[in-house]
Protein backbone atom coordinates (compact mmCIF):
# COMPACT_ATOMS: atom_id res chain seq x y z
CA MET A 1 -23.10 -7.52 2.88
CA GLY A 2 -21.55 -5.09 -0.04
CA CYS A 3 -19.74 -6.39 -3.11
CA LEU A 4 -16.03 -7.28 -2.44
CA HIS A 5 -14.81 -4.71 -5.04
CA ASN A 6 -16.54 -1.94 -3.17
CA ARG A 7 -14.68 -2.81 0.07
CA LEU A 8 -11.17 -3.75 -1.37
CA LYS A 9 -8.51 -1.55 0.24
CA VAL A 10 -5.40 -3.40 -0.05
CA LEU A 11 -4.32 -5.34 -3.43
CA GLU A 12 -0.87 -6.90 -3.09
CA LEU A 13 0.47 -8.39 -6.41
CA GLY A 14 4.01 -8.33 -6.28
CA ILE A 15 5.99 -11.13 -8.06
CA ASN A 16 3.21 -12.36 -10.22
CA ARG A 17 4.43 -11.84 -13.79
CA ILE A 18 1.74 -9.40 -14.47
CA SER A 19 2.20 -8.06 -18.01
CA GLN A 20 0.70 -5.18 -19.95
CA GLU A 21 -2.72 -6.97 -20.46
CA GLY A 22 -2.99 -7.51 -16.47
CA ILE A 23 -1.95 -3.75 -15.78
CA ASP A 24 -4.66 -2.58 -18.06
CA SER A 25 -7.19 -4.51 -16.45
CA ILE A 26 -6.07 -3.22 -13.07
CA ALA A 27 -6.43 0.23 -14.67
CA GLU A 28 -9.96 -0.43 -15.83
CA TYR A 29 -10.87 -1.57 -12.32
CA MET A 30 -9.16 1.60 -10.65
CA GLY A 31 -11.10 3.82 -13.04
CA LYS A 32 -14.52 2.24 -11.81
CA HIS A 33 -13.83 1.78 -7.93
CA ASN A 34 -12.41 4.23 -5.49
CA SER A 35 -11.87 2.02 -2.43
CA LEU A 36 -8.23 0.74 -3.14
CA GLU A 37 -5.66 2.60 -0.94
CA TYR A 38 -2.58 0.48 -1.55
CA LEU A 39 -1.61 -1.42 -4.74
CA CYS A 40 1.70 -3.08 -4.88
CA LEU A 41 3.01 -4.44 -8.54
CA ALA A 42 6.59 -4.96 -7.42
CA SER A 43 8.69 -7.49 -9.29
CA ASN A 44 6.43 -7.93 -12.25
CA CYS A 45 6.86 -7.48 -16.06
CA ILE A 46 6.70 -3.84 -15.87
CA LYS A 47 9.64 -2.46 -18.02
CA SER A 48 8.85 1.00 -18.44
CA PHE A 49 6.60 4.08 -17.53
CA SER A 50 4.82 3.68 -20.87
CA ASP A 51 3.62 0.08 -19.49
CA ILE A 52 1.78 1.56 -16.67
CA LYS A 53 0.51 4.90 -18.23
CA LEU A 54 -3.12 4.02 -18.36
CA LEU A 55 -2.89 2.59 -14.89
CA VAL A 56 -1.21 5.93 -13.57
CA ASN A 57 -3.86 7.87 -15.44
CA SER A 58 -6.78 5.85 -13.90
CA PHE A 59 -5.71 7.17 -10.36
CA GLY A 60 -7.98 10.04 -8.93
CA LYS A 61 -11.03 9.40 -11.43
CA ASN A 62 -13.16 8.64 -8.46
CA LYS A 63 -12.65 11.55 -5.89
CA ILE A 64 -12.52 10.45 -2.34
CA SER A 65 -14.21 12.67 0.27
CA THR A 66 -12.29 13.81 3.43
CA GLU A 67 -14.44 11.80 5.54
CA GLU A 68 -13.60 8.70 3.54
CA PHE A 69 -9.73 9.66 3.57
């Protein structure tokens, strides 16, 4: 059985008081793994685009083939 982080497709983290430190950790994960298809961060402590800039920049670092898509 493979590692969980290689199979994770959906991550629902709404209403969790996630702060800048948490967002940065998620961005680090996103930069290393490409299996995630859905990420919900609704109703957290995100106040502006600058709070999620590192996270947004981590999207697309790992390319997904058309077969995987």
